[in-house]
N, C-alpha and C. Protein backbone atom coordinates (compact mmCIF):
# COMPACT_ATOMS: atom_id res chain seq x y z
N MET A 1 119.74 94.05 118.12
CA MET A 1 119.14 95.11 117.32
C MET A 1 119.76 95.14 115.92
N ILE A 2 118.91 95.18 114.89
CA ILE A 2 119.35 95.26 113.51
C ILE A 2 119.12 96.69 113.02
N SER A 3 120.16 97.35 112.57
CA SER A 3 120.03 98.69 112.01
C SER A 3 119.66 98.58 110.53
N ILE A 4 118.58 99.25 110.14
CA ILE A 4 118.22 99.38 108.73
C ILE A 4 118.71 100.75 108.30
N ILE A 5 119.74 100.77 107.48
CA ILE A 5 120.46 102.01 107.18
C ILE A 5 119.63 102.91 106.27
N ASP A 6 119.34 104.09 106.75
CA ASP A 6 118.48 105.05 106.06
C ASP A 6 119.32 106.10 105.34
N TYR A 7 119.45 105.94 104.04
CA TYR A 7 120.14 106.95 103.25
C TYR A 7 119.20 107.55 102.20
N GLY A 8 117.89 107.33 102.41
CA GLY A 8 116.87 107.93 101.56
C GLY A 8 116.45 107.13 100.37
N CYS A 9 116.89 105.88 100.26
CA CYS A 9 116.54 105.04 99.10
C CYS A 9 116.30 103.60 99.55
N GLY A 10 115.08 103.25 99.91
CA GLY A 10 114.88 101.85 100.30
C GLY A 10 113.50 101.55 100.84
N ASN A 11 113.18 100.24 100.84
CA ASN A 11 111.92 99.77 101.42
C ASN A 11 112.11 99.55 102.92
N LEU A 12 112.23 100.63 103.64
CA LEU A 12 112.61 100.56 105.04
C LEU A 12 111.56 99.85 105.89
N HIS A 13 110.30 100.22 105.70
CA HIS A 13 109.26 99.67 106.57
C HIS A 13 108.97 98.20 106.26
N SER A 14 109.09 97.81 105.00
CA SER A 14 108.91 96.40 104.65
C SER A 14 109.97 95.55 105.35
N LEU A 15 111.19 96.06 105.41
CA LEU A 15 112.26 95.35 106.11
C LEU A 15 112.02 95.32 107.61
N GLU A 16 111.50 96.40 108.16
CA GLU A 16 111.15 96.42 109.59
C GLU A 16 110.17 95.29 109.91
N TYR A 17 109.13 95.17 109.10
CA TYR A 17 108.12 94.13 109.32
C TYR A 17 108.73 92.73 109.20
N ALA A 18 109.62 92.56 108.22
CA ALA A 18 110.24 91.25 108.02
C ALA A 18 111.14 90.88 109.19
N ILE A 19 111.92 91.82 109.69
CA ILE A 19 112.79 91.55 110.83
C ILE A 19 111.96 91.23 112.06
N LYS A 20 110.86 91.93 112.24
CA LYS A 20 109.97 91.64 113.37
C LYS A 20 109.38 90.24 113.23
N ALA A 21 109.08 89.84 112.00
CA ALA A 21 108.48 88.52 111.75
C ALA A 21 109.40 87.38 112.13
N ILE A 22 110.72 87.61 112.11
CA ILE A 22 111.65 86.54 112.51
C ILE A 22 112.06 86.67 113.99
N GLY A 23 111.40 87.59 114.69
CA GLY A 23 111.61 87.69 116.13
C GLY A 23 112.71 88.61 116.59
N LEU A 24 113.20 89.49 115.71
CA LEU A 24 114.25 90.41 116.09
C LEU A 24 113.74 91.85 116.09
N GLU A 25 114.46 92.72 116.77
CA GLU A 25 114.13 94.14 116.78
C GLU A 25 114.98 94.86 115.75
N SER A 26 114.44 95.94 115.20
CA SER A 26 115.19 96.72 114.23
C SER A 26 114.93 98.20 114.44
N LYS A 27 115.80 99.01 113.85
CA LYS A 27 115.64 100.46 113.91
C LYS A 27 116.14 101.07 112.63
N VAL A 28 115.31 101.94 112.03
CA VAL A 28 115.72 102.69 110.85
C VAL A 28 116.58 103.86 111.31
N THR A 29 117.81 103.94 110.84
CA THR A 29 118.72 104.95 111.36
C THR A 29 119.82 105.28 110.36
N ARG A 30 120.36 106.48 110.49
CA ARG A 30 121.58 106.85 109.77
C ARG A 30 122.63 107.36 110.75
N ASP A 31 122.38 107.12 112.04
CA ASP A 31 123.29 107.55 113.09
C ASP A 31 124.46 106.57 113.20
N ARG A 32 125.67 107.09 113.09
CA ARG A 32 126.86 106.25 113.07
C ARG A 32 126.98 105.40 114.34
N SER A 33 126.81 105.99 115.50
CA SER A 33 126.98 105.24 116.75
C SER A 33 125.93 104.16 116.90
N GLU A 34 124.71 104.44 116.47
CA GLU A 34 123.65 103.43 116.55
C GLU A 34 123.95 102.26 115.62
N ILE A 35 124.40 102.56 114.41
CA ILE A 35 124.70 101.50 113.45
C ILE A 35 125.86 100.64 113.95
N LEU A 36 126.93 101.28 114.39
CA LEU A 36 128.12 100.52 114.81
C LEU A 36 127.89 99.71 116.08
N SER A 37 126.91 100.11 116.89
CA SER A 37 126.62 99.36 118.12
C SER A 37 125.59 98.25 117.89
N SER A 38 125.03 98.16 116.69
CA SER A 38 124.03 97.13 116.39
C SER A 38 124.69 95.78 116.19
N SER A 39 123.91 94.72 116.38
CA SER A 39 124.42 93.37 116.17
C SER A 39 124.45 93.01 114.70
N GLY A 40 123.63 93.70 113.90
CA GLY A 40 123.58 93.46 112.47
C GLY A 40 123.05 94.70 111.78
N ALA A 41 123.23 94.77 110.46
CA ALA A 41 122.77 95.93 109.71
C ALA A 41 122.33 95.51 108.31
N ILE A 42 121.38 96.26 107.77
CA ILE A 42 120.89 96.02 106.41
C ILE A 42 121.04 97.29 105.60
N LEU A 43 121.65 97.17 104.43
CA LEU A 43 121.75 98.26 103.47
C LEU A 43 120.70 97.99 102.39
N PRO A 44 119.55 98.67 102.46
CA PRO A 44 118.49 98.43 101.49
C PRO A 44 118.73 99.23 100.22
N GLY A 45 117.75 99.29 99.34
CA GLY A 45 117.94 100.15 98.18
C GLY A 45 116.90 99.99 97.11
N VAL A 46 116.40 101.12 96.63
CA VAL A 46 115.53 101.20 95.46
C VAL A 46 115.92 102.47 94.72
N GLY A 47 116.16 102.37 93.42
CA GLY A 47 116.52 103.56 92.66
C GLY A 47 117.82 103.41 91.93
N ALA A 48 118.45 104.54 91.62
CA ALA A 48 119.66 104.56 90.80
C ALA A 48 120.92 104.57 91.66
N PHE A 49 121.95 103.90 91.18
CA PHE A 49 123.21 103.73 91.90
C PHE A 49 123.86 105.08 92.23
N GLY A 50 124.01 105.94 91.23
CA GLY A 50 124.70 107.20 91.43
C GLY A 50 124.05 108.07 92.48
N ALA A 51 122.73 108.21 92.41
CA ALA A 51 122.01 109.03 93.38
C ALA A 51 122.12 108.43 94.78
N ALA A 52 122.09 107.10 94.85
CA ALA A 52 122.21 106.42 96.14
C ALA A 52 123.58 106.67 96.77
N MET A 53 124.63 106.56 95.97
CA MET A 53 125.98 106.81 96.50
C MET A 53 126.14 108.27 96.92
N ASP A 54 125.53 109.18 96.18
CA ASP A 54 125.58 110.58 96.56
C ASP A 54 124.95 110.78 97.94
N ASN A 55 123.80 110.13 98.17
CA ASN A 55 123.13 110.23 99.46
C ASN A 55 123.99 109.64 100.58
N ILE A 56 124.57 108.48 100.30
CA ILE A 56 125.42 107.82 101.29
C ILE A 56 126.58 108.73 101.70
N LYS A 57 127.17 109.39 100.73
CA LYS A 57 128.29 110.29 101.03
C LYS A 57 127.81 111.55 101.74
N THR A 58 126.64 112.05 101.34
CA THR A 58 126.08 113.24 101.99
C THR A 58 125.87 113.01 103.48
N PHE A 59 125.40 111.81 103.82
CA PHE A 59 125.15 111.48 105.22
C PHE A 59 126.36 110.84 105.90
N ASN A 60 127.51 110.85 105.21
CA ASN A 60 128.76 110.29 105.76
C ASN A 60 128.60 108.82 106.17
N LEU A 61 127.81 108.09 105.39
CA LEU A 61 127.55 106.69 105.72
C LEU A 61 128.53 105.73 105.06
N ASP A 62 129.30 106.19 104.08
CA ASP A 62 130.23 105.29 103.39
C ASP A 62 131.26 104.72 104.35
N LYS A 63 131.85 105.56 105.17
CA LYS A 63 132.84 105.09 106.14
C LYS A 63 132.17 104.22 107.21
N THR A 64 130.96 104.62 107.63
CA THR A 64 130.24 103.86 108.65
C THR A 64 129.95 102.45 108.17
N ILE A 65 129.48 102.31 106.94
CA ILE A 65 129.15 100.99 106.39
C ILE A 65 130.40 100.13 106.27
N CYS A 66 131.48 100.71 105.79
CA CYS A 66 132.73 99.95 105.64
C CYS A 66 133.32 99.58 107.00
N ASP A 67 133.23 100.48 107.98
CA ASP A 67 133.70 100.17 109.32
C ASP A 67 132.87 99.05 109.94
N PHE A 68 131.57 99.09 109.69
CA PHE A 68 130.70 98.03 110.22
C PHE A 68 131.06 96.69 109.60
N GLU A 69 131.28 96.68 108.30
CA GLU A 69 131.66 95.42 107.62
C GLU A 69 132.96 94.87 108.18
N ARG A 70 133.92 95.74 108.42
CA ARG A 70 135.21 95.30 108.94
C ARG A 70 135.14 94.86 110.40
N SER A 71 134.08 95.23 111.09
CA SER A 71 133.93 94.85 112.50
C SER A 71 133.64 93.36 112.68
N GLY A 72 133.20 92.72 111.60
CA GLY A 72 132.86 91.30 111.68
C GLY A 72 131.40 91.04 111.98
N LYS A 73 130.63 92.10 112.23
CA LYS A 73 129.20 91.92 112.47
C LYS A 73 128.48 91.69 111.14
N LYS A 74 127.27 91.16 111.21
CA LYS A 74 126.56 90.75 110.00
C LYS A 74 125.96 91.94 109.26
N LEU A 75 126.36 92.05 108.00
CA LEU A 75 125.88 93.12 107.12
C LEU A 75 125.19 92.49 105.92
N MET A 76 124.01 92.98 105.61
CA MET A 76 123.25 92.47 104.47
C MET A 76 122.92 93.61 103.52
N GLY A 77 123.13 93.38 102.22
CA GLY A 77 122.72 94.34 101.20
C GLY A 77 121.57 93.76 100.40
N VAL A 78 120.55 94.58 100.13
CA VAL A 78 119.36 94.11 99.43
C VAL A 78 119.14 94.91 98.15
N CYS A 79 119.07 94.23 97.02
CA CYS A 79 118.81 94.80 95.70
C CYS A 79 119.83 95.90 95.38
N LEU A 80 119.42 97.16 95.33
CA LEU A 80 120.39 98.23 95.10
C LEU A 80 121.46 98.21 96.18
N GLY A 81 121.09 97.80 97.39
CA GLY A 81 122.07 97.69 98.46
C GLY A 81 123.16 96.69 98.12
N MET A 82 122.82 95.63 97.40
CA MET A 82 123.82 94.68 96.92
C MET A 82 124.74 95.36 95.92
N HIS A 83 124.18 96.12 94.98
CA HIS A 83 124.98 96.80 93.97
C HIS A 83 125.94 97.80 94.60
N LEU A 84 125.50 98.49 95.64
CA LEU A 84 126.33 99.50 96.28
C LEU A 84 127.57 98.89 96.93
N LEU A 85 127.51 97.60 97.24
CA LEU A 85 128.65 96.92 97.84
C LEU A 85 129.69 96.51 96.80
N ALA A 86 129.39 96.73 95.52
CA ALA A 86 130.31 96.37 94.43
C ALA A 86 131.43 97.39 94.29
N THR A 87 132.40 97.05 93.46
CA THR A 87 133.51 97.96 93.18
C THR A 87 133.03 99.21 92.44
N CYS A 88 132.16 98.99 91.43
CA CYS A 88 131.71 100.13 90.63
C CYS A 88 130.42 99.77 89.90
N SER A 89 129.82 100.80 89.29
CA SER A 89 128.59 100.60 88.53
C SER A 89 128.65 101.39 87.24
N ASN A 90 128.03 100.85 86.20
CA ASN A 90 127.90 101.54 84.91
C ASN A 90 126.48 102.05 84.70
N GLU A 91 125.73 102.20 85.77
CA GLU A 91 124.34 102.66 85.66
C GLU A 91 124.31 104.18 85.47
N PHE A 92 123.96 104.61 84.26
CA PHE A 92 123.90 106.04 83.93
C PHE A 92 125.21 106.75 84.26
N GLY A 93 126.30 106.20 83.76
CA GLY A 93 127.63 106.76 84.01
C GLY A 93 128.46 105.81 84.85
N LYS A 94 129.69 106.18 85.08
CA LYS A 94 130.60 105.35 85.87
C LYS A 94 130.62 105.86 87.30
N HIS A 95 130.35 104.96 88.25
CA HIS A 95 130.29 105.35 89.66
C HIS A 95 131.07 104.35 90.51
N LYS A 96 131.76 104.86 91.50
CA LYS A 96 132.50 104.02 92.42
C LYS A 96 131.59 103.54 93.53
N GLY A 97 131.68 102.23 93.86
CA GLY A 97 130.89 101.68 94.94
C GLY A 97 131.67 101.55 96.23
N LEU A 98 131.15 100.81 97.18
CA LEU A 98 131.78 100.67 98.49
C LEU A 98 132.91 99.64 98.49
N GLY A 99 132.96 98.79 97.47
CA GLY A 99 134.10 97.88 97.29
C GLY A 99 134.16 96.69 98.23
N VAL A 100 133.04 96.31 98.83
CA VAL A 100 133.04 95.13 99.69
C VAL A 100 133.20 93.86 98.86
N PHE A 101 132.57 93.84 97.68
CA PHE A 101 132.71 92.73 96.74
C PHE A 101 133.32 93.24 95.44
N SER A 102 134.32 92.54 94.93
CA SER A 102 134.90 92.90 93.63
C SER A 102 133.90 92.57 92.53
N GLY A 103 133.73 93.50 91.61
CA GLY A 103 132.80 93.29 90.52
C GLY A 103 132.13 94.60 90.14
N GLU A 104 131.42 94.57 89.01
CA GLU A 104 130.75 95.79 88.55
C GLU A 104 129.28 95.53 88.26
N VAL A 105 128.53 96.60 88.29
CA VAL A 105 127.09 96.55 88.02
C VAL A 105 126.86 97.02 86.59
N VAL A 106 126.17 96.19 85.80
CA VAL A 106 125.95 96.50 84.39
C VAL A 106 124.47 96.28 84.05
N LYS A 107 124.06 96.81 82.91
CA LYS A 107 122.69 96.65 82.44
C LYS A 107 122.40 95.17 82.19
N LEU A 108 121.22 94.73 82.59
CA LEU A 108 120.80 93.37 82.29
C LEU A 108 120.84 93.12 80.80
N LYS A 109 121.33 91.95 80.41
CA LYS A 109 121.38 91.60 79.00
C LYS A 109 120.00 91.14 78.51
N LYS A 110 119.62 91.63 77.34
CA LYS A 110 118.35 91.21 76.75
C LYS A 110 118.49 89.81 76.16
N ASN A 111 117.43 89.04 76.30
CA ASN A 111 117.38 87.76 75.58
C ASN A 111 115.93 87.47 75.24
N THR A 112 115.72 86.53 74.38
CA THR A 112 114.38 86.31 73.81
C THR A 112 113.37 85.80 74.83
N LEU A 113 113.84 85.30 75.96
CA LEU A 113 112.92 84.71 76.93
C LEU A 113 112.74 85.57 78.18
N SER A 114 113.19 86.81 78.12
CA SER A 114 113.12 87.64 79.32
C SER A 114 112.72 89.06 78.98
N LYS A 115 112.47 89.84 80.01
CA LYS A 115 112.13 91.25 79.83
C LYS A 115 112.98 92.09 80.79
N ILE A 116 113.11 93.36 80.46
CA ILE A 116 113.82 94.31 81.31
C ILE A 116 112.90 95.51 81.53
N PRO A 117 112.65 95.92 82.75
CA PRO A 117 113.24 95.37 83.98
C PRO A 117 112.73 93.98 84.31
N ASN A 118 113.51 93.28 85.10
CA ASN A 118 113.12 91.96 85.58
C ASN A 118 112.29 92.16 86.84
N VAL A 119 110.99 91.99 86.72
CA VAL A 119 110.08 92.20 87.85
C VAL A 119 109.24 90.96 88.05
N GLY A 120 109.25 90.45 89.27
CA GLY A 120 108.43 89.30 89.60
C GLY A 120 109.23 88.18 90.25
N TRP A 121 108.63 87.00 90.27
CA TRP A 121 109.21 85.85 90.95
C TRP A 121 110.10 85.07 90.00
N CYS A 122 111.33 84.80 90.44
CA CYS A 122 112.27 84.05 89.61
C CYS A 122 112.79 82.83 90.36
N GLN A 123 112.95 81.75 89.62
CA GLN A 123 113.57 80.56 90.19
C GLN A 123 115.00 80.88 90.58
N THR A 124 115.38 80.48 91.77
CA THR A 124 116.70 80.83 92.31
C THR A 124 117.34 79.59 92.91
N GLU A 125 118.61 79.40 92.60
CA GLU A 125 119.37 78.25 93.08
C GLU A 125 120.41 78.73 94.09
N LEU A 126 120.23 78.34 95.36
CA LEU A 126 121.14 78.75 96.42
C LEU A 126 122.05 77.62 96.83
N LYS A 127 123.25 77.97 97.25
CA LYS A 127 124.15 76.97 97.79
C LYS A 127 123.57 76.43 99.09
N ASN A 128 123.74 75.15 99.29
CA ASN A 128 123.31 74.50 100.52
C ASN A 128 124.50 74.47 101.48
N ASN A 129 124.38 75.16 102.60
CA ASN A 129 125.50 75.24 103.54
C ASN A 129 125.88 73.88 104.12
N GLN A 130 124.93 72.93 104.10
CA GLN A 130 125.21 71.60 104.62
C GLN A 130 125.78 70.67 103.56
N ASP A 131 125.39 70.89 102.31
CA ASP A 131 125.84 70.00 101.24
C ASP A 131 125.96 70.81 99.95
N GLU A 132 127.20 71.22 99.61
CA GLU A 132 127.43 72.07 98.44
C GLU A 132 126.99 71.39 97.14
N LYS A 133 126.90 70.05 97.13
CA LYS A 133 126.54 69.34 95.90
C LYS A 133 125.03 69.30 95.69
N GLN A 134 124.26 69.70 96.70
CA GLN A 134 122.81 69.69 96.60
C GLN A 134 122.25 71.09 96.81
N PRO A 135 122.24 71.93 95.75
CA PRO A 135 121.73 73.29 95.89
C PRO A 135 120.24 73.30 96.23
N ILE A 136 119.81 74.38 96.87
CA ILE A 136 118.41 74.54 97.24
C ILE A 136 117.74 75.45 96.23
N GLU A 137 116.64 75.01 95.65
CA GLU A 137 115.92 75.82 94.68
C GLU A 137 114.66 76.41 95.32
N ASN A 138 114.41 77.68 95.03
CA ASN A 138 113.22 78.34 95.53
C ASN A 138 112.90 79.51 94.61
N PHE A 139 111.80 80.20 94.89
CA PHE A 139 111.41 81.37 94.12
C PHE A 139 111.46 82.60 95.01
N PHE A 140 112.09 83.68 94.51
CA PHE A 140 112.18 84.93 95.24
C PHE A 140 111.74 86.08 94.34
N TYR A 141 111.41 87.19 94.99
CA TYR A 141 110.87 88.33 94.25
C TYR A 141 111.98 89.30 93.85
N TYR A 142 111.99 89.67 92.57
CA TYR A 142 113.01 90.56 92.00
C TYR A 142 112.36 91.79 91.36
N THR A 143 113.07 92.89 91.38
CA THR A 143 112.71 94.06 90.58
C THR A 143 113.98 94.86 90.31
N HIS A 144 114.52 94.72 89.10
CA HIS A 144 115.80 95.37 88.78
C HIS A 144 116.03 95.40 87.27
N SER A 145 116.87 96.35 86.86
CA SER A 145 117.26 96.48 85.45
C SER A 145 118.76 96.29 85.26
N PHE A 146 119.50 96.19 86.37
CA PHE A 146 120.94 96.03 86.33
C PHE A 146 121.32 94.79 87.13
N GLU A 147 122.49 94.25 86.84
CA GLU A 147 122.95 93.05 87.51
C GLU A 147 124.40 93.19 87.96
N PHE A 148 124.79 92.40 88.95
CA PHE A 148 126.15 92.37 89.45
C PHE A 148 126.94 91.31 88.69
N VAL A 149 128.11 91.72 88.15
CA VAL A 149 128.97 90.78 87.42
C VAL A 149 130.31 90.71 88.15
N PRO A 150 130.63 89.55 88.76
CA PRO A 150 131.88 89.41 89.50
C PRO A 150 133.02 88.95 88.59
N PRO A 151 134.26 89.13 89.03
CA PRO A 151 135.40 88.64 88.23
C PRO A 151 135.51 87.12 88.27
N ASP A 152 134.95 86.49 89.29
CA ASP A 152 134.93 85.03 89.42
C ASP A 152 133.75 84.66 90.29
N PHE A 153 133.60 83.37 90.57
CA PHE A 153 132.43 82.90 91.31
C PHE A 153 132.73 82.59 92.77
N LYS A 154 133.84 83.10 93.27
CA LYS A 154 134.28 82.79 94.63
C LYS A 154 133.22 83.10 95.68
N TYR A 155 132.56 84.24 95.55
CA TYR A 155 131.60 84.65 96.57
C TYR A 155 130.15 84.55 96.12
N VAL A 156 129.93 83.94 94.96
CA VAL A 156 128.55 83.79 94.48
C VAL A 156 127.83 82.73 95.30
N HIS A 157 126.74 83.12 95.93
CA HIS A 157 125.99 82.24 96.82
C HIS A 157 124.73 81.70 96.16
N ALA A 158 124.26 82.39 95.11
CA ALA A 158 123.04 81.94 94.43
C ALA A 158 122.97 82.51 93.03
N PHE A 159 122.28 81.78 92.15
CA PHE A 159 121.99 82.24 90.80
C PHE A 159 120.48 82.28 90.61
N ALA A 160 120.03 83.20 89.74
CA ALA A 160 118.62 83.24 89.35
C ALA A 160 118.52 83.01 87.85
N ILE A 161 117.39 82.49 87.44
CA ILE A 161 117.15 82.26 86.02
C ILE A 161 116.46 83.49 85.44
N HIS A 162 117.12 84.15 84.50
CA HIS A 162 116.54 85.31 83.81
C HIS A 162 116.49 84.98 82.33
N GLY A 163 115.33 84.56 81.89
CA GLY A 163 115.19 84.14 80.49
C GLY A 163 115.98 82.88 80.22
N ASN A 164 116.98 82.96 79.34
CA ASN A 164 117.77 81.78 78.98
C ASN A 164 119.18 81.83 79.58
N ARG A 165 119.38 82.61 80.63
CA ARG A 165 120.70 82.69 81.24
C ARG A 165 120.58 82.83 82.76
N LYS A 166 121.71 82.57 83.43
CA LYS A 166 121.76 82.73 84.87
C LYS A 166 122.38 84.07 85.22
N ILE A 167 121.86 84.70 86.26
CA ILE A 167 122.45 85.93 86.78
C ILE A 167 122.75 85.73 88.26
N VAL A 168 123.65 86.54 88.78
CA VAL A 168 124.00 86.44 90.20
C VAL A 168 122.83 86.92 91.05
N ALA A 169 122.37 86.05 91.93
CA ALA A 169 121.24 86.37 92.80
C ALA A 169 121.67 86.69 94.22
N ALA A 170 122.82 86.19 94.64
CA ALA A 170 123.30 86.48 96.00
C ALA A 170 124.80 86.28 96.09
N LEU A 171 125.41 87.05 96.97
CA LEU A 171 126.84 86.96 97.27
C LEU A 171 127.00 86.74 98.76
N ARG A 172 128.03 85.97 99.14
CA ARG A 172 128.23 85.71 100.56
C ARG A 172 129.73 85.56 100.85
N LYS A 173 130.21 86.29 101.83
CA LYS A 173 131.56 86.08 102.32
C LYS A 173 131.59 86.47 103.79
N LYS A 174 132.09 85.56 104.60
CA LYS A 174 132.23 85.76 106.03
C LYS A 174 130.95 86.35 106.61
N ASN A 175 131.00 87.63 107.02
CA ASN A 175 129.88 88.25 107.73
C ASN A 175 128.97 89.07 106.82
N VAL A 176 129.12 88.93 105.49
CA VAL A 176 128.34 89.76 104.57
C VAL A 176 127.50 88.88 103.64
N LEU A 177 126.22 89.24 103.50
CA LEU A 177 125.31 88.60 102.56
C LEU A 177 124.66 89.70 101.72
N ALA A 178 124.66 89.53 100.42
CA ALA A 178 124.01 90.50 99.54
C ALA A 178 123.09 89.76 98.59
N THR A 179 121.86 90.25 98.44
CA THR A 179 120.88 89.58 97.59
C THR A 179 120.32 90.53 96.54
N GLN A 180 120.22 90.04 95.31
CA GLN A 180 119.58 90.81 94.25
C GLN A 180 118.07 90.82 94.48
N PHE A 181 117.54 89.75 95.02
CA PHE A 181 116.11 89.67 95.29
C PHE A 181 115.77 90.39 96.60
N HIS A 182 114.48 90.59 96.82
CA HIS A 182 113.98 91.23 98.03
C HIS A 182 113.47 90.16 98.99
N PRO A 183 114.23 89.79 100.01
CA PRO A 183 113.73 88.78 100.95
C PRO A 183 112.48 89.24 101.69
N GLU A 184 112.38 90.54 101.92
CA GLU A 184 111.22 91.08 102.66
C GLU A 184 109.94 91.03 101.86
N LYS A 185 110.05 90.75 100.54
CA LYS A 185 108.87 90.64 99.68
C LYS A 185 108.70 89.23 99.12
N SER A 186 109.47 88.29 99.66
CA SER A 186 109.50 86.93 99.11
C SER A 186 108.85 85.89 100.00
N GLY A 187 107.92 86.31 100.84
CA GLY A 187 107.16 85.37 101.66
C GLY A 187 108.02 84.55 102.60
N ALA A 188 107.60 83.31 102.83
CA ALA A 188 108.28 82.44 103.79
C ALA A 188 109.72 82.17 103.39
N ALA A 189 109.98 82.02 102.09
CA ALA A 189 111.35 81.76 101.63
C ALA A 189 112.27 82.93 101.96
N GLY A 190 111.77 84.14 101.81
CA GLY A 190 112.57 85.32 102.12
C GLY A 190 112.84 85.45 103.61
N LEU A 191 111.83 85.17 104.42
CA LEU A 191 112.01 85.22 105.87
C LEU A 191 113.03 84.18 106.32
N GLU A 192 113.04 83.04 105.66
CA GLU A 192 114.01 81.99 106.01
C GLU A 192 115.44 82.46 105.72
N ILE A 193 115.62 83.22 104.64
CA ILE A 193 116.95 83.77 104.33
C ILE A 193 117.39 84.71 105.45
N LEU A 194 116.51 85.60 105.87
CA LEU A 194 116.82 86.54 106.95
C LEU A 194 117.12 85.81 108.25
N LYS A 195 116.32 84.81 108.55
CA LYS A 195 116.50 84.05 109.80
C LYS A 195 117.83 83.29 109.76
N GLU A 196 118.12 82.64 108.65
CA GLU A 196 119.36 81.86 108.55
C GLU A 196 120.57 82.76 108.72
N PHE A 197 120.53 83.96 108.15
CA PHE A 197 121.69 84.85 108.20
C PHE A 197 121.84 85.51 109.57
N PHE A 198 120.77 86.10 110.07
CA PHE A 198 120.89 86.89 111.30
C PHE A 198 120.76 86.08 112.59
N ILE A 199 120.18 84.89 112.51
CA ILE A 199 119.96 84.12 113.73
C ILE A 199 120.73 82.79 113.74
N ASP A 200 120.58 82.03 112.65
CA ASP A 200 121.09 80.65 112.67
C ASP A 200 122.58 80.52 112.35
N SER A 201 123.11 81.45 111.55
CA SER A 201 124.51 81.29 111.13
C SER A 201 125.48 81.96 112.09
């Protein structure tokens, strides 16, 4: 069972359909015992960082999410859910995140070949788990105005092309995967990401 964590900000039903499409069961929940007893969990997200963290704290989910991550079970953050796993965010003020990944969330940089918000399909280069020298390129669906900036590239699992520069598209360490893109809206390529993380790895 995959818990889709409900803190009031996310594409919950789209993720339900995607998890079903890869042959797994899921449940939208904010119940601590249900989340901690699940084999995997997804932290989704749409909206502003500060409001999302306020909701997480209101529902006492901050400790639950961190306890789940420390349990070694598979935790995935999607879009805003990825940002919430950061140390902090500068989105409309300074906000503390859950601290699973070191780094901060900042406004996307403008450049002549891109637009903000970044909405649509972007070329994405993922690390190949079988051969690090041969990255896998694909297109995934994005919708965001802020980006995750890490102190180093230790946990960067993928980059996306945004205009004339690369931005962090995914982070991976041990049992945690976080994606800036929406796998549940990225067709077959997105389903493959979910399958590889929750089933194959």
